[in-house]
Amino acid sequence: MKAQYQSLRIGIAVVVILGTVAWLALTGYSSNKSYYVTISELGTMGDKAYHSNLRVEGFVQPGSIEQVGTHVDFLLNEYESHSPKAPSGHLLKVTYKGTEPPPDTFKDDAQALAEGTYGRDGVFHATVLQAKCASKYAPQQPGASPANPATPPESKPNTASAPAPAPPASSQTAAN
């Protein structure tokens, strides 16, 4: 009888521990989940936009960056300013209040990704800000010269790797 009681206590303890671990995993997963949306999709999400952790990508509107320490206010546009679609692109006001200053690549026309929440005031409140300079990493346009041409080292012929010449065709046919 005592062995059954001991087994029951161990079984209950295991169930409580596994239940707690499962609950912590589920709540941790759902709190870190964020939805990736475009600026135009943000307006069509309805009430879900105000209750979800979101990631929004766009291009920093030139002249809109206002920075005080690590606090930055700026506008995101769907399109780069030199794009013909830029004047008709949706704009989103973003307020970043992070513990770290924005990255060095965060500047006018930079592609930026803001992670945070969308407020009922129409402002995106970001807690994480990432930026990349698209022109810096874009492939070189055909016919364009490189920005810093590298001078190739002097090339010397490598005779060790040159293939041996083939024997004349006439000696091969005479052997047959």
Protein backbone atom coordinates (compact mmCIF):
# COMPACT_ATOMS: atom_id res chain seq x y z
CA MET A 1 0.00 0.00 0.00
CA LYS A 2 2.85 2.35 0.83
CA ALA A 3 4.46 1.74 -2.63
CA GLN A 4 1.23 2.79 -4.39
CA TYR A 5 1.08 5.99 -2.32
CA GLN A 6 4.72 6.78 -3.18
CA SER A 7 4.07 6.14 -6.92
CA LEU A 8 1.01 8.39 -6.82
CA ARG A 9 2.99 11.24 -5.24
CA ILE A 10 5.75 10.90 -7.86
CA GLY A 11 3.15 10.80 -10.67
CA ILE A 12 1.45 13.97 -9.41
CA ALA A 13 4.80 15.76 -9.09
CA VAL A 14 5.76 14.80 -12.66
CA VAL A 15 2.40 16.01 -14.02
CA VAL A 16 2.73 19.35 -12.17
CA ILE A 17 6.31 19.87 -13.41
CA LEU A 18 5.49 18.96 -17.03
CA GLY A 19 2.37 21.15 -16.94
CA THR A 20 4.37 24.12 -15.65
CA VAL A 21 7.08 23.68 -18.31
CA ALA A 22 4.44 23.42 -21.06
CA TRP A 23 2.64 26.55 -19.79
CA LEU A 24 5.92 28.54 -19.67
CA ALA A 25 6.86 27.41 -23.17
CA LEU A 26 3.45 28.34 -24.60
CA THR A 27 3.30 31.78 -22.99
CA GLY A 28 6.92 32.53 -23.92
CA TYR A 29 6.30 31.59 -27.53
CA SER A 30 3.15 33.66 -27.90
CA SER A 31 4.70 36.74 -26.25
CA ASN A 32 7.71 36.70 -28.63
CA LYS A 33 5.67 36.10 -31.78
CA SER A 34 5.51 39.04 -34.17
CA TYR A 35 3.72 39.45 -37.48
CA TYR A 36 5.50 40.89 -40.52
CA VAL A 37 3.27 43.37 -42.35
CA THR A 38 3.73 46.01 -44.99
CA ILE A 39 2.73 49.61 -44.34
CA SER A 40 -0.36 49.30 -46.55
CA GLU A 41 -1.42 46.04 -44.83
CA LEU A 42 -1.21 47.73 -41.43
CA GLY A 43 -4.23 49.90 -42.23
CA THR A 44 -6.35 46.91 -43.26
CA MET A 45 -5.66 44.73 -40.19
CA GLY A 46 -8.39 46.30 -38.09
CA ASP A 47 -8.37 45.72 -34.33
CA LYS A 48 -5.72 42.98 -34.59
CA ALA A 49 -3.12 45.66 -35.43
CA TYR A 50 -3.50 47.22 -31.98
CA HIS A 51 -3.12 43.97 -30.05
CA SER A 52 -0.22 42.29 -31.84
CA ASN A 53 3.53 42.60 -31.84
CA LEU A 54 4.39 43.64 -35.42
CA ARG A 55 7.34 44.12 -37.74
CA VAL A 56 7.03 46.78 -40.45
CA GLU A 57 9.52 47.47 -43.23
CA GLY A 58 9.88 50.55 -45.38
CA PHE A 59 12.24 53.30 -46.48
CA VAL A 60 13.14 56.24 -44.24
CA GLN A 61 11.53 59.38 -45.66
CA PRO A 62 14.30 61.93 -46.41
CA GLY A 63 14.40 64.78 -43.90
CA SER A 64 12.08 63.08 -41.40
CA ILE A 65 14.62 61.82 -38.85
CA GLU A 66 14.46 63.61 -35.49
CA GLN A 67 16.88 62.07 -32.99
CA VAL A 68 17.47 62.93 -29.33
CA GLY A 69 19.86 60.42 -27.76
CA THR A 70 18.44 56.96 -28.30
CA HIS A 71 14.92 58.31 -28.99
CA VAL A 72 14.16 58.67 -32.73
CA ASP A 73 11.04 59.83 -34.57
CA PHE A 74 10.84 59.32 -38.34
CA LEU A 75 8.54 58.46 -41.24
CA LEU A 76 8.59 55.19 -43.16
CA ASN A 77 7.50 55.16 -46.79
CA GLU A 78 6.62 52.05 -48.80
CA TYR A 79 8.94 53.18 -51.58
CA GLU A 80 12.35 54.84 -51.87
CA SER A 81 12.17 58.59 -52.48
CA HIS A 82 13.63 58.34 -56.00
CA SER A 83 11.01 55.75 -57.04
CA PRO A 84 8.20 57.05 -59.27
CA LYS A 85 5.72 55.40 -56.84
CA ALA A 86 7.10 57.27 -53.78
CA PRO A 87 4.66 60.22 -53.83
CA SER A 88 1.69 57.84 -53.70
CA GLY A 89 3.25 55.49 -51.12
CA HIS A 90 1.71 55.08 -47.67
CA LEU A 91 3.58 56.84 -44.86
CA LEU A 92 3.88 55.58 -41.28
CA LYS A 93 5.10 57.67 -38.36
CA VAL A 94 7.48 55.64 -36.18
CA THR A 95 8.69 56.42 -32.68
CA TYR A 96 11.67 54.39 -31.51
CA LYS A 97 12.45 54.33 -27.81
CA GLY A 98 15.20 51.79 -27.38
CA THR A 99 18.10 51.26 -25.07
CA GLU A 100 20.59 51.45 -27.94
CA PRO A 101 21.01 54.23 -30.50
CA PRO A 102 19.92 53.47 -34.07
CA PRO A 103 22.49 51.72 -36.28
CA ASP A 104 25.01 53.71 -38.35
CA THR A 105 23.25 52.72 -41.57
CA PHE A 106 20.03 54.39 -40.39
CA LYS A 107 19.75 57.47 -42.61
CA ASP A 108 17.56 59.02 -45.31
CA ASP A 109 16.27 56.48 -47.87
CA ALA A 110 17.72 53.55 -45.88
CA GLN A 111 15.61 50.43 -45.76
CA ALA A 112 14.48 50.03 -42.13
CA LEU A 113 12.68 47.36 -40.15
CA ALA A 114 10.83 48.45 -37.02
CA GLU A 115 9.49 45.97 -34.48
CA GLY A 116 6.93 46.99 -31.88
CA THR A 117 3.25 47.84 -31.54
CA TYR A 118 0.84 50.01 -33.51
CA GLY A 119 -1.00 52.56 -31.39
CA ARG A 120 -4.52 53.87 -31.85
CA ASP A 121 -2.91 57.29 -32.36
CA GLY A 122 -1.63 56.06 -35.76
CA VAL A 123 1.99 55.94 -34.58
CA PHE A 124 4.10 52.80 -34.64
CA HIS A 125 5.92 52.46 -31.29
CA ALA A 126 9.13 50.56 -32.02
CA THR A 127 11.32 48.82 -29.48
CA VAL A 128 13.72 47.31 -32.04
CA LEU A 129 15.12 49.13 -35.06
CA GLN A 130 17.20 47.61 -37.86
CA ALA A 131 18.49 49.42 -40.92
CA LYS A 132 20.44 48.57 -44.00
CA CYS A 133 21.77 50.69 -46.82
CA ALA A 134 20.40 49.12 -49.99
CA SER A 135 22.75 51.01 -52.31
CA LYS A 136 25.79 49.79 -50.40
CA TYR A 137 24.89 46.13 -50.92
CA ALA A 138 23.19 46.33 -54.29
CA PRO A 139 24.77 44.47 -57.20
CA GLN A 140 26.87 46.55 -59.54
CA GLN A 141 25.00 47.93 -62.53
CA PRO A 142 26.21 46.67 -65.92
CA GLY A 143 28.73 49.05 -67.48
CA ALA A 144 29.41 50.90 -64.21
CA SER A 145 32.95 51.18 -62.95
CA PRO A 146 33.68 49.91 -59.44
CA ALA A 147 33.93 52.49 -56.63
CA ASN A 148 37.36 51.32 -55.47
CA PRO A 149 39.00 49.38 -58.26
CA ALA A 150 41.45 46.83 -56.93
CA THR A 151 44.79 46.69 -58.66
CA PRO A 152 45.43 43.12 -59.70
CA PRO A 153 48.81 41.66 -58.76
CA GLU A 154 51.29 41.14 -61.57
CA SER A 155 50.49 37.90 -63.27
CA LYS A 156 53.30 35.52 -64.06
CA PRO A 157 52.77 32.56 -66.36
CA ASN A 158 52.58 29.33 -64.45
CA THR A 159 54.28 26.67 -66.52
CA ALA A 160 53.81 23.91 -63.94
CA SER A 161 50.06 23.77 -64.44
CA ALA A 162 50.05 24.16 -68.22
CA PRO A 163 48.73 21.05 -70.00
CA ALA A 164 51.17 19.01 -72.11
CA PRO A 165 50.81 19.53 -75.84
CA ALA A 166 48.93 16.81 -77.73
CA PRO A 167 50.95 14.62 -80.10
CA PRO A 168 50.55 15.37 -83.80
CA ALA A 169 47.54 13.78 -85.46
CA SER A 170 49.68 12.10 -88.13
CA SER A 171 51.57 9.91 -85.65
CA GLN A 172 48.32 8.65 -84.18
CA THR A 173 46.92 7.57 -87.52
CA ALA A 174 50.16 5.84 -88.58
CA ALA A 175 50.08 3.63 -85.46
CA ASN A 176 46.62 2.27 -86.33
